[in-house]
Amino acid sequence: MIKSKNIKKGFSISRSVQSAKEYGNEQEQKIAKEIDAKRTPNSGATPFMKGDMFKGNIMFDVKSTKHNQFILTIDVLEKLEDDAFKNRKIPILLLNFTNVKKTMSKRWVVMPYDKFFP
């Protein structure tokens, strides 16, 4: 989305403004392509299909941020675990930090201990 701001009559500055939803959607598309996963319609916002993407027996929830931190609560993990259980999938939380220290992005994976060490 492009917005313009008039400075003086006849002059304007254009800048690109991307909503958090657009940013998250763009990041999900990139990650799904990289890991060859199938994206969930509406990012799991339907009552019958949850999660952001699936690959085999894994359900991914992707959280992307341009900041140096993401606050992870037990509520986020429990919701992911519950949604994955309903879909008979292994829950994976994929944290995507972009522009970390202005040089590169960092990605982390969070999953239940008992799924990693059965």
N, C-alpha and C. Protein backbone atom coordinates (compact mmCIF):
# COMPACT_ATOMS: atom_id res chain seq x y z
N MET A 1 0.84 -1.15 0.00
CA MET A 1 0.00 0.00 0.00
C MET A 1 0.89 1.23 0.00
N ILE A 2 0.60 2.19 -0.85
CA ILE A 2 1.38 3.42 -0.94
C ILE A 2 0.53 4.58 -0.43
N LYS A 3 1.11 5.40 0.41
CA LYS A 3 0.42 6.59 0.90
C LYS A 3 1.27 7.80 0.56
N SER A 4 0.62 8.89 0.27
CA SER A 4 1.32 10.14 -0.04
C SER A 4 0.99 11.17 1.02
N LYS A 5 1.94 12.02 1.27
CA LYS A 5 1.73 13.10 2.21
C LYS A 5 2.10 14.40 1.49
N ASN A 6 1.17 15.31 1.43
CA ASN A 6 1.43 16.60 0.79
C ASN A 6 2.23 17.48 1.72
N ILE A 7 3.30 18.04 1.18
CA ILE A 7 4.14 18.94 1.97
C ILE A 7 3.77 20.38 1.63
N LYS A 8 3.86 20.72 0.37
CA LYS A 8 3.44 22.02 -0.12
C LYS A 8 2.61 21.77 -1.35
N LYS A 9 1.86 22.73 -1.72
CA LYS A 9 1.03 22.58 -2.90
C LYS A 9 1.89 22.18 -4.10
N GLY A 10 1.52 21.05 -4.71
CA GLY A 10 2.26 20.58 -5.87
C GLY A 10 3.38 19.61 -5.56
N PHE A 11 3.72 19.42 -4.29
CA PHE A 11 4.79 18.50 -3.91
C PHE A 11 4.22 17.41 -3.01
N SER A 12 4.77 16.21 -3.13
CA SER A 12 4.35 15.12 -2.23
C SER A 12 5.50 14.15 -2.04
N ILE A 13 5.46 13.45 -0.92
CA ILE A 13 6.43 12.40 -0.63
C ILE A 13 5.64 11.10 -0.54
N SER A 14 6.05 10.09 -1.29
CA SER A 14 5.40 8.79 -1.23
C SER A 14 6.23 7.86 -0.38
N ARG A 15 5.55 7.05 0.40
CA ARG A 15 6.26 6.06 1.21
C ARG A 15 5.43 4.79 1.24
N SER A 16 6.10 3.70 1.35
CA SER A 16 5.42 2.42 1.38
C SER A 16 5.06 2.08 2.82
N VAL A 17 3.80 1.74 3.04
CA VAL A 17 3.33 1.37 4.36
C VAL A 17 2.76 -0.04 4.27
N GLN A 18 3.30 -0.95 5.05
CA GLN A 18 2.86 -2.34 5.02
C GLN A 18 2.24 -2.68 6.38
N SER A 19 1.01 -3.17 6.35
CA SER A 19 0.36 -3.54 7.61
C SER A 19 1.01 -4.79 8.19
N ALA A 20 0.77 -5.03 9.47
CA ALA A 20 1.30 -6.22 10.12
C ALA A 20 0.75 -7.48 9.45
N LYS A 21 -0.52 -7.44 9.04
CA LYS A 21 -1.13 -8.59 8.39
C LYS A 21 -0.46 -8.86 7.04
N GLU A 22 -0.21 -7.80 6.27
CA GLU A 22 0.46 -7.96 4.97
C GLU A 22 1.88 -8.50 5.15
N TYR A 23 2.58 -7.96 6.15
CA TYR A 23 3.94 -8.41 6.44
C TYR A 23 3.96 -9.89 6.82
N GLY A 24 3.05 -10.28 7.72
CA GLY A 24 2.98 -11.68 8.14
C GLY A 24 2.65 -12.61 6.99
N ASN A 25 1.72 -12.19 6.15
CA ASN A 25 1.33 -12.98 4.99
C ASN A 25 2.50 -13.17 4.03
N GLU A 26 3.24 -12.10 3.79
CA GLU A 26 4.41 -12.17 2.92
C GLU A 26 5.46 -13.13 3.47
N GLN A 27 5.70 -13.06 4.78
CA GLN A 27 6.69 -13.93 5.41
C GLN A 27 6.24 -15.39 5.35
N GLU A 28 4.94 -15.64 5.59
CA GLU A 28 4.41 -17.01 5.51
C GLU A 28 4.60 -17.58 4.11
N GLN A 29 4.34 -16.77 3.09
CA GLN A 29 4.52 -17.23 1.71
C GLN A 29 5.96 -17.64 1.45
N LYS A 30 6.90 -16.81 1.88
CA LYS A 30 8.32 -17.11 1.69
C LYS A 30 8.73 -18.40 2.40
N ILE A 31 8.32 -18.53 3.65
CA ILE A 31 8.70 -19.71 4.44
C ILE A 31 8.06 -20.97 3.86
N ALA A 32 6.78 -20.90 3.51
CA ALA A 32 6.10 -22.07 2.94
C ALA A 32 6.81 -22.54 1.68
N LYS A 33 7.24 -21.62 0.86
CA LYS A 33 7.95 -21.98 -0.37
C LYS A 33 9.30 -22.63 -0.04
N GLU A 34 10.01 -22.06 0.93
CA GLU A 34 11.33 -22.58 1.31
C GLU A 34 11.26 -24.00 1.86
N ILE A 35 10.23 -24.29 2.66
CA ILE A 35 10.16 -25.61 3.29
C ILE A 35 9.17 -26.55 2.59
N ASP A 36 8.62 -26.09 1.48
CA ASP A 36 7.69 -26.88 0.67
C ASP A 36 6.47 -27.31 1.49
N ALA A 37 5.88 -26.34 2.19
CA ALA A 37 4.69 -26.61 3.01
C ALA A 37 3.46 -26.03 2.32
N LYS A 38 2.30 -26.53 2.68
CA LYS A 38 1.04 -26.04 2.15
C LYS A 38 0.45 -25.03 3.13
N ARG A 39 0.15 -23.83 2.63
CA ARG A 39 -0.43 -22.79 3.47
C ARG A 39 -1.90 -23.06 3.74
N THR A 40 -2.34 -22.68 4.92
CA THR A 40 -3.74 -22.82 5.32
C THR A 40 -4.50 -21.58 4.86
N PRO A 41 -5.68 -21.76 4.25
CA PRO A 41 -6.47 -20.58 3.86
C PRO A 41 -6.73 -19.66 5.04
N ASN A 42 -6.60 -18.36 4.83
CA ASN A 42 -6.83 -17.34 5.86
C ASN A 42 -5.96 -17.52 7.10
N SER A 43 -4.81 -18.15 6.93
CA SER A 43 -3.88 -18.35 8.05
C SER A 43 -4.53 -19.04 9.24
N GLY A 44 -5.40 -19.99 8.97
CA GLY A 44 -6.01 -20.76 10.05
C GLY A 44 -7.14 -20.04 10.76
N ALA A 45 -7.67 -18.98 10.17
CA ALA A 45 -8.74 -18.21 10.81
C ALA A 45 -10.13 -18.79 10.57
N THR A 46 -10.19 -20.02 10.11
CA THR A 46 -11.47 -20.68 9.92
C THR A 46 -11.72 -21.65 11.08
N PRO A 47 -12.97 -21.98 11.36
CA PRO A 47 -13.23 -22.86 12.51
C PRO A 47 -12.80 -24.31 12.28
N PHE A 48 -12.61 -24.70 11.03
CA PHE A 48 -12.31 -26.11 10.75
C PHE A 48 -10.85 -26.38 10.42
N MET A 49 -10.07 -25.38 10.12
CA MET A 49 -8.66 -25.58 9.77
C MET A 49 -7.81 -24.53 10.47
N LYS A 50 -6.92 -24.95 11.32
CA LYS A 50 -6.10 -24.03 12.10
C LYS A 50 -4.65 -24.12 11.65
N GLY A 51 -3.82 -23.26 12.20
CA GLY A 51 -2.41 -23.24 11.85
C GLY A 51 -2.17 -22.43 10.59
N ASP A 52 -0.92 -22.05 10.36
CA ASP A 52 -0.57 -21.25 9.19
C ASP A 52 -0.21 -22.11 7.99
N MET A 53 0.41 -23.28 8.25
CA MET A 53 0.80 -24.16 7.16
C MET A 53 1.02 -25.57 7.68
N PHE A 54 0.99 -26.52 6.73
CA PHE A 54 1.17 -27.94 7.05
C PHE A 54 2.23 -28.55 6.15
N LYS A 55 2.95 -29.49 6.69
CA LYS A 55 3.87 -30.31 5.91
C LYS A 55 3.88 -31.70 6.56
N GLY A 56 3.36 -32.68 5.83
CA GLY A 56 3.27 -34.02 6.40
C GLY A 56 2.44 -34.03 7.66
N ASN A 57 3.01 -34.53 8.75
CA ASN A 57 2.27 -34.61 10.01
C ASN A 57 2.57 -33.43 10.94
N ILE A 58 3.06 -32.33 10.38
CA ILE A 58 3.43 -31.15 11.18
C ILE A 58 2.52 -29.98 10.84
N MET A 59 2.03 -29.30 11.88
CA MET A 59 1.28 -28.06 11.73
C MET A 59 2.14 -26.91 12.24
N PHE A 60 2.36 -25.93 11.39
CA PHE A 60 3.19 -24.77 11.75
C PHE A 60 2.32 -23.56 12.07
N ASP A 61 2.71 -22.85 13.10
CA ASP A 61 2.17 -21.52 13.37
C ASP A 61 3.38 -20.60 13.25
N VAL A 62 3.29 -19.61 12.37
CA VAL A 62 4.42 -18.72 12.10
C VAL A 62 4.18 -17.37 12.76
N LYS A 63 5.15 -16.91 13.51
CA LYS A 63 5.11 -15.58 14.12
C LYS A 63 6.32 -14.81 13.59
N SER A 64 6.05 -13.72 12.88
CA SER A 64 7.13 -12.91 12.30
C SER A 64 7.14 -11.53 12.94
N THR A 65 8.34 -11.02 13.15
CA THR A 65 8.49 -9.68 13.70
C THR A 65 9.71 -9.00 13.10
N LYS A 66 9.64 -7.68 13.02
CA LYS A 66 10.78 -6.87 12.57
C LYS A 66 11.58 -6.39 13.78
N HIS A 67 11.14 -6.76 14.96
CA HIS A 67 11.77 -6.32 16.21
C HIS A 67 12.77 -7.36 16.71
N ASN A 68 13.50 -7.01 17.73
CA ASN A 68 14.50 -7.91 18.30
C ASN A 68 13.93 -8.85 19.34
N GLN A 69 12.60 -8.82 19.54
CA GLN A 69 12.01 -9.69 20.54
C GLN A 69 10.60 -10.09 20.14
N PHE A 70 10.17 -11.23 20.66
CA PHE A 70 8.80 -11.70 20.53
C PHE A 70 8.42 -12.25 21.88
N ILE A 71 7.32 -11.78 22.43
CA ILE A 71 6.90 -12.25 23.75
C ILE A 71 6.06 -13.51 23.57
N LEU A 72 6.59 -14.59 24.06
CA LEU A 72 5.94 -15.90 23.94
C LEU A 72 5.28 -16.24 25.27
N THR A 73 3.97 -16.49 25.20
CA THR A 73 3.23 -16.84 26.41
C THR A 73 2.78 -18.30 26.33
N ILE A 74 2.47 -18.85 27.47
CA ILE A 74 1.98 -20.23 27.52
C ILE A 74 0.66 -20.34 26.77
N ASP A 75 -0.13 -19.26 26.74
CA ASP A 75 -1.40 -19.27 26.02
C ASP A 75 -1.19 -19.53 24.53
N VAL A 76 -0.16 -18.92 23.94
CA VAL A 76 0.15 -19.14 22.52
C VAL A 76 0.49 -20.61 22.28
N LEU A 77 1.32 -21.16 23.17
CA LEU A 77 1.73 -22.56 23.02
C LEU A 77 0.57 -23.53 23.22
N GLU A 78 -0.27 -23.27 24.23
CA GLU A 78 -1.40 -24.16 24.48
C GLU A 78 -2.43 -24.12 23.35
N LYS A 79 -2.66 -22.95 22.77
CA LYS A 79 -3.58 -22.86 21.63
C LYS A 79 -3.03 -23.64 20.44
N LEU A 80 -1.75 -23.48 20.17
CA LEU A 80 -1.12 -24.22 19.08
C LEU A 80 -1.22 -25.73 19.32
N GLU A 81 -0.92 -26.14 20.54
CA GLU A 81 -0.98 -27.57 20.88
C GLU A 81 -2.39 -28.12 20.72
N ASP A 82 -3.39 -27.36 21.17
CA ASP A 82 -4.78 -27.78 21.06
C ASP A 82 -5.23 -27.87 19.59
N ASP A 83 -4.88 -26.86 18.80
CA ASP A 83 -5.25 -26.86 17.38
C ASP A 83 -4.57 -28.03 16.64
N ALA A 84 -3.32 -28.27 16.96
CA ALA A 84 -2.60 -29.38 16.31
C ALA A 84 -3.21 -30.72 16.70
N PHE A 85 -3.58 -30.86 17.97
CA PHE A 85 -4.20 -32.11 18.43
C PHE A 85 -5.49 -32.38 17.66
N LYS A 86 -6.31 -31.34 17.46
CA LYS A 86 -7.57 -31.48 16.73
C LYS A 86 -7.35 -31.91 15.28
N ASN A 87 -6.20 -31.51 14.72
CA ASN A 87 -5.86 -31.87 13.34
C ASN A 87 -4.96 -33.10 13.26
N ARG A 88 -4.70 -33.72 14.43
CA ARG A 88 -3.82 -34.89 14.51
C ARG A 88 -2.44 -34.62 13.91
N LYS A 89 -1.87 -33.47 14.29
CA LYS A 89 -0.56 -33.04 13.79
C LYS A 89 0.37 -32.72 14.95
N ILE A 90 1.64 -32.64 14.67
CA ILE A 90 2.65 -32.21 15.64
C ILE A 90 2.74 -30.69 15.55
N PRO A 91 2.60 -29.99 16.69
CA PRO A 91 2.66 -28.52 16.65
C PRO A 91 4.08 -27.99 16.62
N ILE A 92 4.30 -27.05 15.71
CA ILE A 92 5.60 -26.37 15.63
C ILE A 92 5.34 -24.87 15.56
N LEU A 93 5.98 -24.12 16.44
CA LEU A 93 5.94 -22.67 16.38
C LEU A 93 7.22 -22.21 15.71
N LEU A 94 7.08 -21.50 14.60
CA LEU A 94 8.25 -21.01 13.87
C LEU A 94 8.33 -19.50 14.10
N LEU A 95 9.39 -19.07 14.77
CA LEU A 95 9.61 -17.65 15.05
C LEU A 95 10.54 -17.09 13.98
N ASN A 96 10.12 -16.02 13.35
CA ASN A 96 10.86 -15.42 12.25
C ASN A 96 11.20 -13.97 12.62
N PHE A 97 12.47 -13.73 12.89
CA PHE A 97 12.94 -12.38 13.21
C PHE A 97 13.64 -11.83 11.96
N THR A 98 13.10 -10.77 11.38
CA THR A 98 13.74 -10.19 10.20
C THR A 98 14.45 -8.90 10.57
N ASN A 99 15.49 -8.60 9.83
CA ASN A 99 16.29 -7.40 10.03
C ASN A 99 16.93 -7.34 11.41
N VAL A 100 17.27 -8.50 11.95
CA VAL A 100 17.97 -8.53 13.23
C VAL A 100 19.35 -7.91 13.03
N LYS A 101 19.65 -6.89 13.80
CA LYS A 101 20.90 -6.15 13.71
C LYS A 101 21.17 -5.65 12.30
N LYS A 102 20.09 -5.47 11.52
CA LYS A 102 20.14 -4.91 10.17
C LYS A 102 20.99 -5.71 9.19
N THR A 103 21.34 -6.94 9.52
CA THR A 103 22.19 -7.71 8.62
C THR A 103 21.53 -8.95 8.05
N MET A 104 20.66 -9.61 8.81
CA MET A 104 20.06 -10.85 8.34
C MET A 104 18.85 -11.21 9.18
N SER A 105 18.17 -12.26 8.78
CA SER A 105 17.04 -12.72 9.58
C SER A 105 17.44 -13.97 10.35
N LYS A 106 16.73 -14.22 11.41
CA LYS A 106 16.96 -15.40 12.24
C LYS A 106 15.64 -16.12 12.41
N ARG A 107 15.69 -17.44 12.34
CA ARG A 107 14.49 -18.25 12.54
C ARG A 107 14.75 -19.28 13.62
N TRP A 108 13.73 -19.48 14.45
CA TRP A 108 13.79 -20.46 15.52
C TRP A 108 12.55 -21.33 15.45
N VAL A 109 12.69 -22.56 15.90
CA VAL A 109 11.57 -23.50 15.95
C VAL A 109 11.34 -23.89 17.40
N VAL A 110 10.08 -23.87 17.83
CA VAL A 110 9.70 -24.27 19.18
C VAL A 110 8.70 -25.41 19.04
N MET A 111 8.96 -26.49 19.77
CA MET A 111 8.05 -27.64 19.72
C MET A 111 7.98 -28.31 21.08
N PRO A 112 6.92 -29.09 21.32
CA PRO A 112 6.80 -29.76 22.61
C PRO A 112 7.95 -30.74 22.85
N TYR A 113 8.43 -30.74 24.07
CA TYR A 113 9.53 -31.61 24.48
C TYR A 113 9.24 -33.07 24.17
N ASP A 114 8.02 -33.50 24.47
CA ASP A 114 7.68 -34.93 24.29
C ASP A 114 7.56 -35.32 22.82
N LYS A 115 7.49 -34.36 21.92
CA LYS A 115 7.49 -34.68 20.48
C LYS A 115 8.91 -34.74 19.95
N PHE A 116 9.82 -33.98 20.59
CA PHE A 116 11.23 -33.99 20.18
C PHE A 116 11.96 -35.17 20.80
N PHE A 117 11.65 -35.47 22.06
CA PHE A 117 12.24 -36.61 22.78
C PHE A 117 11.10 -37.56 23.17
N PRO A 118 10.58 -38.35 22.24
CA PRO A 118 9.43 -39.22 22.58
C PRO A 118 9.79 -40.32 23.57
